[in-house]
Amino acid sequence: MLKPNNYDNVQAIGAFENIELGGHILVIKKVVETQSSTGKDMIKISLDTDRTDKQPNYYMNRWNNDKRDSKKWGCVVNQLVLDKDGNCSRGLKTFIEMVEKSNTGFKVQWGDNFAKCFEGKLIGGVFGREEYLNTYGESKFATKCTGFRTVQDVKEGKVEPPKDKLLAPQPVGLGGNGVDINSDITPVDDGDIPF
């Protein structure tokens, strides 16, 4: 066998520590107002574990240790702004209230400074497992931030890991991506480092 192109520069797959399921103290790195792929208003919330968390700076450490050119920030939550009826989504309301309750004296700033006002603020995150199909059609699990709580709830151990979110069984011969079209929070691991 001939030595493959770029062999010396490719990072080998190594053992890495998974983020623990359940509650974590998170710091908001950046919030961006944008639209979903279907044109719905949403915010992208980039998060890392806080220095006071049981796994401090988890996503920054992963970022720094990833030598690939195509690396992406590991904890981004896409939150829709409106529900199916055109009202404020429960997910957005929960996010804002959990930030306000976790940061003494903080109140959301509506208008031009909306996205910027969250940077550096703390929030409690709930991490759970979501099933997905890899490129070979094999069932795998990804650990993602699936919801928000107060930092105090996390500190007091009141945040339990959620049940695994499983893909819906697909009829034979029909494809599917397992996306819950009724959910108004879509945690994803896509996006270059956003800050």
C-alpha atoms as a PDB file:
ATOM      1  CA  MET A   1       0.000   0.000   0.000  1.00  0.00           C
ATOM      2  CA  LEU A   2       1.186   3.482  -0.784  1.00  0.00           C
ATOM      3  CA  LYS A   3       1.034   6.080   1.951  1.00  0.00           C
ATOM      4  CA  PRO A   4      -2.319   7.905   1.582  1.00  0.00           C
ATOM      5  CA  ASN A   5      -2.414  11.631   0.864  1.00  0.00           C
ATOM      6  CA  ASN A   6      -2.194  13.851   3.959  1.00  0.00           C
ATOM      7  CA  TYR A   7      -1.499  10.810   6.235  1.00  0.00           C
ATOM      8  CA  ASP A   8       0.901  12.755   8.481  1.00  0.00           C
ATOM      9  CA  ASN A   9      -1.603  15.546   9.104  1.00  0.00           C
ATOM     10  CA  VAL A  10      -4.729  13.474   9.835  1.00  0.00           C
ATOM     11  CA  GLN A  11      -5.608  13.216  13.515  1.00  0.00           C
ATOM     12  CA  ALA A  12      -6.224   9.653  14.694  1.00  0.00           C
ATOM     13  CA  ILE A  13      -9.453   8.860  16.519  1.00  0.00           C
ATOM     14  CA  GLY A  14      -8.627   8.859  20.186  1.00  0.00           C
ATOM     15  CA  ALA A  15     -10.484   8.176  23.349  1.00  0.00           C
ATOM     16  CA  PHE A  16     -12.212  11.243  24.681  1.00  0.00           C
ATOM     17  CA  GLU A  17     -14.379  11.831  27.679  1.00  0.00           C
ATOM     18  CA  ASN A  18     -18.086  12.111  26.899  1.00  0.00           C
ATOM     19  CA  ILE A  19     -20.081  14.844  28.544  1.00  0.00           C
ATOM     20  CA  GLU A  20     -22.094  13.362  31.407  1.00  0.00           C
ATOM     21  CA  LEU A  21     -25.846  13.017  31.051  1.00  0.00           C
ATOM     22  CA  GLY A  22     -28.056  15.214  33.237  1.00  0.00           C
ATOM     23  CA  GLY A  23     -27.501  18.744  34.500  1.00  0.00           C
ATOM     24  CA  HIS A  24     -24.559  21.034  33.741  1.00  0.00           C
ATOM     25  CA  ILE A  25     -23.761  24.657  34.551  1.00  0.00           C
ATOM     26  CA  LEU A  26     -23.342  26.348  31.182  1.00  0.00           C
ATOM     27  CA  VAL A  27     -22.036  29.695  30.022  1.00  0.00           C
ATOM     28  CA  ILE A  28     -23.616  31.307  26.973  1.00  0.00           C
ATOM     29  CA  LYS A  29     -20.873  32.068  24.479  1.00  0.00           C
ATOM     30  CA  LYS A  30     -22.984  33.662  21.768  1.00  0.00           C
ATOM     31  CA  VAL A  31     -26.586  34.074  20.602  1.00  0.00           C
ATOM     32  CA  VAL A  32     -27.377  34.789  16.955  1.00  0.00           C
ATOM     33  CA  GLU A  33     -30.766  35.769  15.528  1.00  0.00           C
ATOM     34  CA  THR A  34     -31.335  33.847  12.296  1.00  0.00           C
ATOM     35  CA  GLN A  35     -33.861  31.719  10.410  1.00  0.00           C
ATOM     36  CA  SER A  36     -34.330  27.971  10.175  1.00  0.00           C
ATOM     37  CA  SER A  37     -33.960  26.116   6.884  1.00  0.00           C
ATOM     38  CA  THR A  38     -37.748  26.479   6.487  1.00  0.00           C
ATOM     39  CA  GLY A  39     -37.649  30.262   7.011  1.00  0.00           C
ATOM     40  CA  LYS A  40     -38.838  30.363  10.634  1.00  0.00           C
ATOM     41  CA  ASP A  41     -37.305  32.901  13.028  1.00  0.00           C
ATOM     42  CA  MET A  42     -34.947  31.286  15.525  1.00  0.00           C
ATOM     43  CA  ILE A  43     -31.911  31.919  17.671  1.00  0.00           C
ATOM     44  CA  LYS A  44     -28.717  29.871  17.685  1.00  0.00           C
ATOM     45  CA  ILE A  45     -27.369  29.530  21.225  1.00  0.00           C
ATOM     46  CA  SER A  46     -23.695  28.536  21.508  1.00  0.00           C
ATOM     47  CA  LEU A  47     -22.807  27.095  24.920  1.00  0.00           C
ATOM     48  CA  ASP A  48     -19.894  25.697  26.899  1.00  0.00           C
ATOM     49  CA  THR A  49     -19.698  24.188  30.344  1.00  0.00           C
ATOM     50  CA  ASP A  50     -18.777  26.844  32.889  1.00  0.00           C
ATOM     51  CA  ARG A  51     -15.517  26.779  34.854  1.00  0.00           C
ATOM     52  CA  THR A  52     -17.634  25.892  37.926  1.00  0.00           C
ATOM     53  CA  ASP A  53     -19.209  22.843  36.240  1.00  0.00           C
ATOM     54  CA  LYS A  54     -18.149  19.261  37.031  1.00  0.00           C
ATOM     55  CA  GLN A  55     -16.668  19.128  33.498  1.00  0.00           C
ATOM     56  CA  PRO A  56     -15.320  22.679  33.051  1.00  0.00           C
ATOM     57  CA  ASN A  57     -14.746  24.134  29.566  1.00  0.00           C
ATOM     58  CA  TYR A  58     -15.748  20.826  27.988  1.00  0.00           C
ATOM     59  CA  TYR A  59     -16.526  22.148  24.500  1.00  0.00           C
ATOM     60  CA  MET A  60     -13.595  24.583  24.357  1.00  0.00           C
ATOM     61  CA  ASN A  61     -11.240  21.737  25.292  1.00  0.00           C
ATOM     62  CA  ARG A  62     -12.752  19.572  22.536  1.00  0.00           C
ATOM     63  CA  TRP A  63     -12.361  22.465  20.090  1.00  0.00           C
ATOM     64  CA  ASN A  64      -8.723  23.019  21.037  1.00  0.00           C
ATOM     65  CA  ASN A  65      -7.882  19.300  20.764  1.00  0.00           C
ATOM     66  CA  ASP A  66      -9.578  18.831  17.389  1.00  0.00           C
ATOM     67  CA  LYS A  67      -6.948  19.232  14.669  1.00  0.00           C
ATOM     68  CA  ARG A  68      -9.312  18.785  11.714  1.00  0.00           C
ATOM     69  CA  ASP A  69      -9.808  21.686   9.304  1.00  0.00           C
ATOM     70  CA  SER A  70     -13.560  21.049   9.273  1.00  0.00           C
ATOM     71  CA  LYS A  71     -14.113  21.146  13.041  1.00  0.00           C
ATOM     72  CA  LYS A  72     -17.335  22.573  14.406  1.00  0.00           C
ATOM     73  CA  TRP A  73     -18.404  23.928  17.789  1.00  0.00           C
ATOM     74  CA  GLY A  74     -19.918  21.040  19.749  1.00  0.00           C
ATOM     75  CA  CYS A  75     -22.841  22.633  21.613  1.00  0.00           C
ATOM     76  CA  VAL A  76     -25.261  24.776  19.635  1.00  0.00           C
ATOM     77  CA  VAL A  77     -28.989  24.822  20.379  1.00  0.00           C
ATOM     78  CA  ASN A  78     -31.390  26.114  17.737  1.00  0.00           C
ATOM     79  CA  GLN A  79     -34.455  27.620  19.397  1.00  0.00           C
ATOM     80  CA  LEU A  80     -37.505  28.623  17.387  1.00  0.00           C
ATOM     81  CA  VAL A  81     -39.002  32.002  18.344  1.00  0.00           C
ATOM     82  CA  LEU A  82     -42.653  31.291  17.535  1.00  0.00           C
ATOM     83  CA  ASP A  83     -44.888  28.254  17.953  1.00  0.00           C
ATOM     84  CA  LYS A  84     -47.156  26.843  15.229  1.00  0.00           C
ATOM     85  CA  ASP A  85     -49.855  29.399  16.150  1.00  0.00           C
ATOM     86  CA  GLY A  86     -47.527  32.406  15.767  1.00  0.00           C
ATOM     87  CA  ASN A  87     -47.105  32.999  19.519  1.00  0.00           C
ATOM     88  CA  CYS A  88     -43.904  32.979  21.564  1.00  0.00           C
ATOM     89  CA  SER A  89     -42.633  29.397  21.760  1.00  0.00           C
ATOM     90  CA  ARG A  90     -42.465  27.722  25.158  1.00  0.00           C
ATOM     91  CA  GLY A  91     -38.815  26.900  24.454  1.00  0.00           C
ATOM     92  CA  LEU A  92     -37.858  30.566  23.971  1.00  0.00           C
ATOM     93  CA  LYS A  93     -39.780  31.624  27.076  1.00  0.00           C
ATOM     94  CA  THR A  94     -38.089  28.858  29.098  1.00  0.00           C
ATOM     95  CA  PHE A  95     -34.622  29.838  27.832  1.00  0.00           C
ATOM     96  CA  ILE A  96     -35.108  33.507  28.767  1.00  0.00           C
ATOM     97  CA  GLU A  97     -36.615  32.754  32.190  1.00  0.00           C
ATOM     98  CA  MET A  98     -33.849  30.276  33.067  1.00  0.00           C
ATOM     99  CA  VAL A  99     -31.176  32.857  32.160  1.00  0.00           C
ATOM    100  CA  GLU A 100     -32.957  35.557  34.186  1.00  0.00           C
ATOM    101  CA  LYS A 101     -33.348  33.282  37.227  1.00  0.00           C
ATOM    102  CA  SER A 102     -29.720  32.096  37.001  1.00  0.00           C
ATOM    103  CA  ASN A 103     -28.126  35.582  36.858  1.00  0.00           C
ATOM    104  CA  THR A 104     -29.015  37.973  39.682  1.00  0.00           C
ATOM    105  CA  GLY A 105     -30.368  41.270  38.360  1.00  0.00           C
ATOM    106  CA  PHE A 106     -30.347  40.191  34.704  1.00  0.00           C
ATOM    107  CA  LYS A 107     -33.340  41.078  32.525  1.00  0.00           C
ATOM    108  CA  VAL A 108     -33.582  40.390  28.816  1.00  0.00           C
ATOM    109  CA  GLN A 109     -33.001  43.429  26.585  1.00  0.00           C
ATOM    110  CA  TRP A 110     -35.508  43.399  23.752  1.00  0.00           C
ATOM    111  CA  GLY A 111     -34.544  45.175  20.533  1.00  0.00           C
ATOM    112  CA  ASP A 112     -31.099  45.788  19.096  1.00  0.00           C
ATOM    113  CA  ASN A 113     -29.145  44.321  22.040  1.00  0.00           C
ATOM    114  CA  PHE A 114     -31.268  41.164  22.404  1.00  0.00           C
ATOM    115  CA  ALA A 115     -28.695  38.589  21.248  1.00  0.00           C
ATOM    116  CA  LYS A 116     -25.687  40.357  22.787  1.00  0.00           C
ATOM    117  CA  CYS A 117     -27.277  40.648  26.255  1.00  0.00           C
ATOM    118  CA  PHE A 118     -26.978  36.872  26.835  1.00  0.00           C
ATOM    119  CA  GLU A 119     -23.227  36.559  26.222  1.00  0.00           C
ATOM    120  CA  GLY A 120     -21.336  35.439  29.314  1.00  0.00           C
ATOM    121  CA  LYS A 121     -24.497  34.657  31.278  1.00  0.00           C
ATOM    122  CA  LEU A 122     -24.981  31.333  33.072  1.00  0.00           C
ATOM    123  CA  ILE A 123     -27.798  28.825  32.564  1.00  0.00           C
ATOM    124  CA  GLY A 124     -28.474  25.245  33.575  1.00  0.00           C
ATOM    125  CA  GLY A 125     -28.471  22.741  30.739  1.00  0.00           C
ATOM    126  CA  VAL A 126     -30.048  19.289  30.562  1.00  0.00           C
ATOM    127  CA  PHE A 127     -28.044  16.760  28.549  1.00  0.00           C
ATOM    128  CA  GLY A 128     -29.596  13.633  27.094  1.00  0.00           C
ATOM    129  CA  ARG A 129     -29.052  11.112  24.337  1.00  0.00           C
ATOM    130  CA  GLU A 130     -30.694  11.258  20.915  1.00  0.00           C
ATOM    131  CA  GLU A 131     -30.691   8.379  18.477  1.00  0.00           C
ATOM    132  CA  TYR A 132     -29.614   8.960  14.875  1.00  0.00           C
ATOM    133  CA  LEU A 133     -28.656   6.882  11.857  1.00  0.00           C
ATOM    134  CA  ASN A 134     -25.081   7.188  10.648  1.00  0.00           C
ATOM    135  CA  THR A 135     -24.122   7.168   6.968  1.00  0.00           C
ATOM    136  CA  TYR A 136     -24.198   3.353   7.000  1.00  0.00           C
ATOM    137  CA  GLY A 137     -27.752   3.261   8.385  1.00  0.00           C
ATOM    138  CA  GLU A 138     -26.563   2.114  11.811  1.00  0.00           C
ATOM    139  CA  SER A 139     -28.338   3.344  14.928  1.00  0.00           C
ATOM    140  CA  LYS A 140     -26.074   5.519  17.105  1.00  0.00           C
ATOM    141  CA  PHE A 141     -26.564   7.996  19.946  1.00  0.00           C
ATOM    142  CA  ALA A 142     -25.408  11.607  20.323  1.00  0.00           C
ATOM    143  CA  THR A 143     -25.399  13.465  23.642  1.00  0.00           C
ATOM    144  CA  LYS A 144     -26.937  16.926  23.316  1.00  0.00           C
ATOM    145  CA  CYS A 145     -28.319  19.803  25.341  1.00  0.00           C
ATOM    146  CA  THR A 146     -32.035  19.023  25.245  1.00  0.00           C
ATOM    147  CA  GLY A 147     -33.414  21.712  27.550  1.00  0.00           C
ATOM    148  CA  PHE A 148     -32.731  24.432  30.085  1.00  0.00           C
ATOM    149  CA  ARG A 149     -33.068  24.783  33.855  1.00  0.00           C
ATOM    150  CA  THR A 150     -31.731  27.198  36.448  1.00  0.00           C
ATOM    151  CA  VAL A 151     -28.151  26.978  37.639  1.00  0.00           C
ATOM    152  CA  GLN A 152     -29.531  26.504  41.160  1.00  0.00           C
ATOM    153  CA  ASP A 153     -31.466  23.391  40.053  1.00  0.00           C
ATOM    154  CA  VAL A 154     -28.235  21.924  38.667  1.00  0.00           C
ATOM    155  CA  LYS A 155     -26.268  22.774  41.824  1.00  0.00           C
ATOM    156  CA  GLU A 156     -28.939  21.164  44.005  1.00  0.00           C
ATOM    157  CA  GLY A 157     -28.949  17.969  41.913  1.00  0.00           C
ATOM    158  CA  LYS A 158     -32.554  18.443  40.761  1.00  0.00           C
ATOM    159  CA  VAL A 159     -31.803  17.713  37.096  1.00  0.00           C
ATOM    160  CA  GLU A 160     -32.146  14.081  36.063  1.00  0.00           C
ATOM    161  CA  PRO A 161     -31.010  12.772  32.681  1.00  0.00           C
ATOM    162  CA  PRO A 162     -33.989  12.580  30.322  1.00  0.00           C
ATOM    163  CA  LYS A 163     -35.064   9.327  28.708  1.00  0.00           C
ATOM    164  CA  ASP A 164     -33.291   8.572  25.440  1.00  0.00           C
ATOM    165  CA  LYS A 165     -34.991  10.220  22.471  1.00  0.00           C
ATOM    166  CA  LEU A 166     -35.454   7.410  19.970  1.00  0.00           C
ATOM    167  CA  LEU A 167     -36.111   7.635  16.271  1.00  0.00           C
ATOM    168  CA  ALA A 168     -39.664   6.842  15.296  1.00  0.00           C
ATOM    169  CA  PRO A 169     -39.960   3.453  13.605  1.00  0.00           C
ATOM    170  CA  GLN A 170     -40.045   3.967   9.842  1.00  0.00           C
ATOM    171  CA  PRO A 171     -42.309   1.937   7.543  1.00  0.00           C
ATOM    172  CA  VAL A 172     -40.442  -0.511   5.316  1.00  0.00           C
ATOM    173  CA  GLY A 173     -39.300   1.113   2.093  1.00  0.00           C
ATOM    174  CA  LEU A 174     -39.688   4.678   3.369  1.00  0.00           C
ATOM    175  CA  GLY A 175     -36.806   6.805   4.537  1.00  0.00           C
ATOM    176  CA  GLY A 176     -36.864   9.032   7.556  1.00  0.00           C
ATOM    177  CA  ASN A 177     -34.636  11.262   9.531  1.00  0.00           C
ATOM    178  CA  GLY A 178     -36.240  10.908  12.954  1.00  0.00           C
ATOM    179  CA  VAL A 179     -36.898  14.636  13.296  1.00  0.00           C
ATOM    180  CA  ASP A 180     -39.728  15.552  15.656  1.00  0.00           C
ATOM    181  CA  ILE A 181     -41.628  18.149  13.634  1.00  0.00           C
ATOM    182  CA  ASN A 182     -43.637  19.168  16.700  1.00  0.00           C
ATOM    183  CA  SER A 183     -40.619  20.156  18.774  1.00  0.00           C
ATOM    184  CA  ASP A 184     -39.751  23.842  19.033  1.00  0.00           C
ATOM    185  CA  ILE A 185     -36.208  23.242  20.295  1.00  0.00           C
ATOM    186  CA  THR A 186     -33.732  21.645  17.939  1.00  0.00           C
ATOM    187  CA  PRO A 187     -30.366  20.969  19.560  1.00  0.00           C
ATOM    188  CA  VAL A 188     -27.664  20.468  16.973  1.00  0.00           C
ATOM    189  CA  ASP A 189     -23.931  20.113  16.770  1.00  0.00           C
ATOM    190  CA  ASP A 190     -23.469  22.180  13.655  1.00  0.00           C
ATOM    191  CA  GLY A 191     -21.686  25.427  13.140  1.00  0.00           C
ATOM    192  CA  ASP A 192     -18.134  26.617  13.269  1.00  0.00           C
ATOM    193  CA  ILE A 193     -16.955  28.202  16.488  1.00  0.00           C
ATOM    194  CA  PRO A 194     -19.356  31.132  16.693  1.00  0.00           C
ATOM    195  CA  PHE A 195     -17.409  33.579  18.846  1.00  0.00           C
END
